[in-house]
Amino acid sequence: QVQLVESGGGLVQAGGSLRLSCTANGSISGIKTMGWYRQAPGNERELVAVITSAGRTGYADSVKGRFTISRDNAKNTVHLQMNSLKPEDTAVYYCNTDTWAQGIYWGQGTQVTVSS
């Protein structure tokens, strides 16, 4: 059984920083990508950032220059460093991993709240 365990969410003032972490536990192999999505109330879930096993990254336009995704392949862990946070970044953030043979997994979500 595979579980994605997230940590690092919380409440921060606008302009502040948070670091999210996610570790894939269990029998998992052949990870292609790891990433972060977010969903605000009333909105659809959207991609925030993604990183491949080779280290290539992609970001939503709304977070470019503020968020940085990184990955430790040996530990099946992905991090999201979020700087210069804005109230519109408030959402539940979900970790995601896509594998070659086992499909897609999701974390349980962690709340990020940015106060103005």
N, C-alpha and C. Protein backbone atom coordinates (compact mmCIF):
# COMPACT_ATOMS: atom_id res chain seq x y z
N GLN A 1 0.84 -1.19 0.00
CA GLN A 1 0.00 0.00 0.00
C GLN A 1 0.88 1.24 0.00
N VAL A 2 0.52 2.19 -0.84
CA VAL A 2 1.30 3.42 -0.97
C VAL A 2 0.55 4.57 -0.32
N GLN A 3 1.25 5.36 0.45
CA GLN A 3 0.67 6.55 1.06
C GLN A 3 1.58 7.74 0.81
N LEU A 4 0.96 8.87 0.48
CA LEU A 4 1.68 10.12 0.38
C LEU A 4 1.39 10.91 1.66
N VAL A 5 2.44 11.20 2.41
CA VAL A 5 2.29 11.89 3.69
C VAL A 5 2.82 13.31 3.55
N GLU A 6 1.93 14.26 3.75
CA GLU A 6 2.26 15.68 3.58
C GLU A 6 2.46 16.35 4.93
N SER A 7 3.24 17.41 4.91
CA SER A 7 3.43 18.21 6.12
C SER A 7 3.82 19.63 5.71
N GLY A 8 3.68 20.56 6.65
CA GLY A 8 4.18 21.91 6.44
C GLY A 8 3.16 22.98 6.18
N GLY A 9 1.90 22.64 6.09
CA GLY A 9 0.89 23.67 5.89
C GLY A 9 0.70 24.50 7.15
N GLY A 10 -0.11 25.55 7.03
CA GLY A 10 -0.38 26.38 8.19
C GLY A 10 -0.89 27.75 7.82
N LEU A 11 -0.83 28.64 8.80
CA LEU A 11 -1.30 30.02 8.64
C LEU A 11 -0.10 30.95 8.60
N VAL A 12 -0.08 31.84 7.63
CA VAL A 12 1.02 32.78 7.49
C VAL A 12 0.49 34.11 6.99
N GLN A 13 1.17 35.18 7.32
CA GLN A 13 0.77 36.49 6.81
C GLN A 13 1.26 36.68 5.38
N ALA A 14 0.56 37.53 4.67
CA ALA A 14 0.97 37.85 3.30
C ALA A 14 2.42 38.31 3.29
N GLY A 15 3.16 37.82 2.31
CA GLY A 15 4.58 38.11 2.22
C GLY A 15 5.47 37.10 2.91
N GLY A 16 4.87 36.22 3.68
CA GLY A 16 5.61 35.21 4.40
C GLY A 16 5.93 33.99 3.55
N SER A 17 6.50 32.99 4.22
CA SER A 17 6.94 31.78 3.54
C SER A 17 6.47 30.53 4.27
N LEU A 18 6.28 29.48 3.51
CA LEU A 18 6.00 28.15 4.05
C LEU A 18 6.72 27.13 3.19
N ARG A 19 7.03 25.99 3.79
CA ARG A 19 7.65 24.89 3.04
C ARG A 19 6.82 23.64 3.25
N LEU A 20 6.31 23.11 2.15
CA LEU A 20 5.56 21.86 2.19
C LEU A 20 6.47 20.69 1.83
N SER A 21 6.22 19.57 2.48
CA SER A 21 6.97 18.36 2.17
C SER A 21 6.00 17.20 2.00
N CYS A 22 6.41 16.25 1.18
CA CYS A 22 5.57 15.07 0.93
C CYS A 22 6.49 13.88 0.69
N THR A 23 6.22 12.80 1.40
CA THR A 23 6.99 11.58 1.22
C THR A 23 6.07 10.44 0.81
N ALA A 24 6.48 9.72 -0.21
CA ALA A 24 5.74 8.54 -0.66
C ALA A 24 6.24 7.34 0.11
N ASN A 25 5.38 6.78 0.94
CA ASN A 25 5.73 5.61 1.74
C ASN A 25 5.08 4.36 1.18
N GLY A 26 5.72 3.23 1.43
CA GLY A 26 5.16 1.97 0.97
C GLY A 26 5.92 1.43 -0.23
N SER A 27 5.32 0.45 -0.85
CA SER A 27 5.96 -0.22 -1.98
C SER A 27 5.68 0.55 -3.26
N ILE A 28 6.56 1.47 -3.56
CA ILE A 28 6.38 2.30 -4.74
C ILE A 28 7.70 2.35 -5.51
N SER A 29 7.59 2.29 -6.83
CA SER A 29 8.78 2.37 -7.66
C SER A 29 8.41 3.01 -8.99
N GLY A 30 9.41 3.34 -9.74
CA GLY A 30 9.17 3.91 -11.07
C GLY A 30 8.39 5.20 -11.04
N ILE A 31 8.77 6.10 -10.14
CA ILE A 31 8.08 7.38 -10.08
C ILE A 31 8.52 8.25 -11.26
N LYS A 32 7.54 8.73 -12.00
CA LYS A 32 7.84 9.63 -13.12
C LYS A 32 7.91 11.08 -12.64
N THR A 33 6.82 11.52 -12.06
CA THR A 33 6.75 12.90 -11.61
C THR A 33 6.20 12.97 -10.19
N MET A 34 6.59 14.01 -9.51
CA MET A 34 5.99 14.37 -8.23
C MET A 34 5.59 15.83 -8.33
N GLY A 35 4.48 16.16 -7.70
CA GLY A 35 4.04 17.53 -7.84
C GLY A 35 3.06 17.96 -6.77
N TRP A 36 2.65 19.19 -6.90
CA TRP A 36 1.69 19.79 -5.97
C TRP A 36 0.54 20.41 -6.74
N TYR A 37 -0.65 20.16 -6.26
CA TYR A 37 -1.85 20.78 -6.77
C TYR A 37 -2.48 21.54 -5.61
N ARG A 38 -3.43 22.42 -5.93
CA ARG A 38 -4.16 23.09 -4.87
C ARG A 38 -5.61 23.30 -5.28
N GLN A 39 -6.44 23.41 -4.26
CA GLN A 39 -7.86 23.63 -4.51
C GLN A 39 -8.39 24.59 -3.48
N ALA A 40 -8.88 25.72 -3.96
CA ALA A 40 -9.50 26.71 -3.11
C ALA A 40 -11.01 26.48 -3.12
N PRO A 41 -11.72 26.92 -2.09
CA PRO A 41 -13.18 26.72 -2.04
C PRO A 41 -13.86 27.27 -3.29
N GLY A 42 -14.70 26.44 -3.89
CA GLY A 42 -15.43 26.86 -5.07
C GLY A 42 -14.66 26.77 -6.37
N ASN A 43 -13.39 26.38 -6.27
CA ASN A 43 -12.56 26.28 -7.47
C ASN A 43 -12.20 24.82 -7.76
N GLU A 44 -11.77 24.58 -8.98
CA GLU A 44 -11.29 23.26 -9.34
C GLU A 44 -9.84 23.09 -8.86
N ARG A 45 -9.45 21.85 -8.72
CA ARG A 45 -8.06 21.58 -8.35
C ARG A 45 -7.16 21.98 -9.52
N GLU A 46 -6.06 22.67 -9.21
CA GLU A 46 -5.16 23.15 -10.25
C GLU A 46 -3.73 22.76 -9.94
N LEU A 47 -2.96 22.59 -11.00
CA LEU A 47 -1.54 22.27 -10.85
C LEU A 47 -0.79 23.50 -10.36
N VAL A 48 0.07 23.29 -9.38
CA VAL A 48 0.92 24.36 -8.87
C VAL A 48 2.35 24.20 -9.41
N ALA A 49 2.90 23.01 -9.22
CA ALA A 49 4.28 22.76 -9.65
C ALA A 49 4.49 21.26 -9.80
N VAL A 50 5.40 20.90 -10.70
CA VAL A 50 5.69 19.49 -10.94
C VAL A 50 7.18 19.34 -11.21
N ILE A 51 7.73 18.18 -10.85
CA ILE A 51 9.14 17.90 -11.10
C ILE A 51 9.28 16.46 -11.55
N THR A 52 10.11 16.25 -12.59
CA THR A 52 10.33 14.90 -13.09
C THR A 52 11.48 14.24 -12.33
N SER A 53 11.67 12.96 -12.61
CA SER A 53 12.76 12.24 -11.97
C SER A 53 14.12 12.79 -12.40
N ALA A 54 14.15 13.44 -13.55
CA ALA A 54 15.39 14.04 -14.04
C ALA A 54 15.60 15.45 -13.52
N GLY A 55 14.62 15.95 -12.78
CA GLY A 55 14.76 17.28 -12.19
C GLY A 55 14.17 18.42 -13.01
N ARG A 56 13.49 18.10 -14.09
CA ARG A 56 12.85 19.15 -14.86
C ARG A 56 11.61 19.62 -14.12
N THR A 57 11.39 20.93 -14.13
CA THR A 57 10.29 21.50 -13.35
C THR A 57 9.32 22.28 -14.22
N GLY A 58 8.11 22.41 -13.71
CA GLY A 58 7.09 23.22 -14.36
C GLY A 58 6.25 23.89 -13.29
N TYR A 59 5.82 25.11 -13.57
CA TYR A 59 5.07 25.88 -12.59
C TYR A 59 3.85 26.55 -13.22
N ALA A 60 2.83 26.73 -12.41
CA ALA A 60 1.72 27.57 -12.83
C ALA A 60 2.22 29.00 -12.94
N ASP A 61 1.67 29.74 -13.88
CA ASP A 61 2.12 31.13 -14.08
C ASP A 61 1.95 31.95 -12.80
N SER A 62 0.93 31.64 -12.04
CA SER A 62 0.62 32.44 -10.85
C SER A 62 1.67 32.29 -9.74
N VAL A 63 2.50 31.25 -9.81
CA VAL A 63 3.48 31.03 -8.74
C VAL A 63 4.92 31.15 -9.22
N LYS A 64 5.13 31.33 -10.50
CA LYS A 64 6.49 31.43 -11.03
C LYS A 64 7.25 32.56 -10.35
N GLY A 65 8.47 32.26 -9.96
CA GLY A 65 9.30 33.26 -9.30
C GLY A 65 9.08 33.34 -7.80
N ARG A 66 8.04 32.69 -7.30
CA ARG A 66 7.76 32.72 -5.86
C ARG A 66 7.90 31.32 -5.23
N PHE A 67 7.51 30.30 -5.97
CA PHE A 67 7.53 28.93 -5.45
C PHE A 67 8.67 28.15 -6.12
N THR A 68 9.26 27.25 -5.36
CA THR A 68 10.30 26.38 -5.89
C THR A 68 10.02 24.95 -5.47
N ILE A 69 9.99 24.05 -6.44
CA ILE A 69 9.79 22.63 -6.16
C ILE A 69 11.13 21.92 -6.24
N SER A 70 11.33 20.98 -5.33
CA SER A 70 12.56 20.19 -5.34
C SER A 70 12.22 18.76 -4.94
N ARG A 71 13.17 17.88 -5.19
CA ARG A 71 12.86 16.46 -5.01
C ARG A 71 14.10 15.70 -4.56
N ASP A 72 13.88 14.75 -3.67
CA ASP A 72 14.93 13.81 -3.26
C ASP A 72 14.49 12.43 -3.73
N ASN A 73 15.05 11.98 -4.85
CA ASN A 73 14.62 10.71 -5.44
C ASN A 73 14.89 9.52 -4.51
N ALA A 74 16.00 9.57 -3.80
CA ALA A 74 16.36 8.46 -2.92
C ALA A 74 15.36 8.28 -1.79
N LYS A 75 14.72 9.38 -1.39
CA LYS A 75 13.77 9.33 -0.28
C LYS A 75 12.33 9.44 -0.75
N ASN A 76 12.12 9.45 -2.06
CA ASN A 76 10.75 9.61 -2.61
C ASN A 76 10.03 10.79 -1.97
N THR A 77 10.74 11.89 -1.86
CA THR A 77 10.22 13.08 -1.19
C THR A 77 10.25 14.27 -2.13
N VAL A 78 9.22 15.08 -2.02
CA VAL A 78 9.15 16.31 -2.79
C VAL A 78 8.83 17.46 -1.83
N HIS A 79 9.45 18.60 -2.11
CA HIS A 79 9.24 19.80 -1.30
C HIS A 79 8.71 20.93 -2.17
N LEU A 80 7.98 21.83 -1.53
CA LEU A 80 7.53 23.03 -2.21
C LEU A 80 7.84 24.22 -1.31
N GLN A 81 8.82 25.00 -1.69
CA GLN A 81 9.16 26.21 -0.96
C GLN A 81 8.31 27.34 -1.51
N MET A 82 7.51 27.95 -0.65
CA MET A 82 6.59 28.99 -1.07
C MET A 82 6.99 30.30 -0.40
N ASN A 83 7.40 31.27 -1.20
CA ASN A 83 7.81 32.58 -0.71
C ASN A 83 6.86 33.65 -1.22
N SER A 84 6.92 34.80 -0.60
CA SER A 84 6.09 35.94 -1.01
C SER A 84 4.63 35.51 -1.16
N LEU A 85 4.13 34.83 -0.17
CA LEU A 85 2.77 34.29 -0.25
C LEU A 85 1.73 35.40 -0.28
N LYS A 86 0.67 35.13 -1.03
CA LYS A 86 -0.43 36.07 -1.20
C LYS A 86 -1.72 35.44 -0.69
N PRO A 87 -2.69 36.26 -0.32
CA PRO A 87 -3.97 35.68 0.13
C PRO A 87 -4.59 34.74 -0.90
N GLU A 88 -4.37 35.02 -2.18
CA GLU A 88 -4.94 34.15 -3.21
C GLU A 88 -4.24 32.80 -3.31
N ASP A 89 -3.17 32.60 -2.56
CA ASP A 89 -2.54 31.29 -2.49
C ASP A 89 -3.23 30.38 -1.48
N THR A 90 -4.18 30.93 -0.74
CA THR A 90 -4.91 30.14 0.24
C THR A 90 -5.67 29.00 -0.44
N ALA A 91 -5.44 27.78 0.03
CA ALA A 91 -6.05 26.60 -0.58
C ALA A 91 -5.62 25.36 0.20
N VAL A 92 -6.23 24.26 -0.12
CA VAL A 92 -5.71 22.96 0.32
C VAL A 92 -4.73 22.49 -0.74
N TYR A 93 -3.54 22.17 -0.31
CA TYR A 93 -2.48 21.73 -1.23
C TYR A 93 -2.36 20.21 -1.16
N TYR A 94 -2.33 19.59 -2.33
CA TYR A 94 -2.28 18.13 -2.44
C TYR A 94 -0.99 17.71 -3.14
N CYS A 95 -0.35 16.74 -2.54
CA CYS A 95 0.81 16.12 -3.18
C CYS A 95 0.33 15.07 -4.17
N ASN A 96 1.06 14.91 -5.24
CA ASN A 96 0.69 13.97 -6.30
C ASN A 96 1.94 13.28 -6.82
N THR A 97 1.80 12.00 -7.12
CA THR A 97 2.89 11.31 -7.80
C THR A 97 2.34 10.42 -8.90
N ASP A 98 3.01 10.40 -10.02
CA ASP A 98 2.63 9.58 -11.16
C ASP A 98 3.74 8.57 -11.40
N THR A 99 3.35 7.31 -11.56
CA THR A 99 4.36 6.26 -11.73
C THR A 99 4.20 5.58 -13.08
N TRP A 100 5.24 4.86 -13.48
CA TRP A 100 5.21 4.16 -14.76
C TRP A 100 4.23 2.99 -14.75
N ALA A 101 4.12 2.30 -13.64
CA ALA A 101 3.34 1.06 -13.64
C ALA A 101 2.26 0.98 -12.57
N GLN A 102 2.30 1.87 -11.60
CA GLN A 102 1.37 1.76 -10.48
C GLN A 102 0.27 2.82 -10.50
N GLY A 103 0.31 3.71 -11.44
CA GLY A 103 -0.72 4.72 -11.52
C GLY A 103 -0.40 5.97 -10.74
N ILE A 104 -1.44 6.69 -10.37
CA ILE A 104 -1.31 7.99 -9.74
C ILE A 104 -1.77 7.92 -8.29
N TYR A 105 -1.03 8.60 -7.42
CA TYR A 105 -1.39 8.65 -6.02
C TYR A 105 -1.53 10.11 -5.57
N TRP A 106 -2.40 10.29 -4.57
CA TRP A 106 -2.65 11.61 -4.01
C TRP A 106 -2.45 11.58 -2.50
N GLY A 107 -1.97 12.70 -1.96
CA GLY A 107 -1.93 12.88 -0.53
C GLY A 107 -3.29 13.32 -0.01
N GLN A 108 -3.38 13.44 1.29
CA GLN A 108 -4.66 13.77 1.93
C GLN A 108 -4.94 15.26 1.90
N GLY A 109 -3.93 16.05 1.60
CA GLY A 109 -4.11 17.50 1.53
C GLY A 109 -3.66 18.19 2.80
N THR A 110 -3.09 19.37 2.64
CA THR A 110 -2.69 20.18 3.79
C THR A 110 -3.13 21.62 3.53
N GLN A 111 -3.70 22.23 4.55
CA GLN A 111 -4.28 23.57 4.41
C GLN A 111 -3.18 24.63 4.49
N VAL A 112 -3.21 25.55 3.54
CA VAL A 112 -2.36 26.74 3.56
C VAL A 112 -3.29 27.95 3.58
N THR A 113 -3.14 28.78 4.58
CA THR A 113 -3.95 29.99 4.71
C THR A 113 -3.04 31.20 4.82
N VAL A 114 -3.26 32.16 3.92
CA VAL A 114 -2.45 33.37 3.90
C VAL A 114 -3.36 34.54 4.26
N SER A 115 -3.06 35.20 5.35
CA SER A 115 -3.88 36.32 5.79
C SER A 115 -3.34 37.63 5.23
N SER A 116 -4.26 38.55 4.98
CA SER A 116 -3.85 39.84 4.40
C SER A 116 -3.51 40.85 5.48
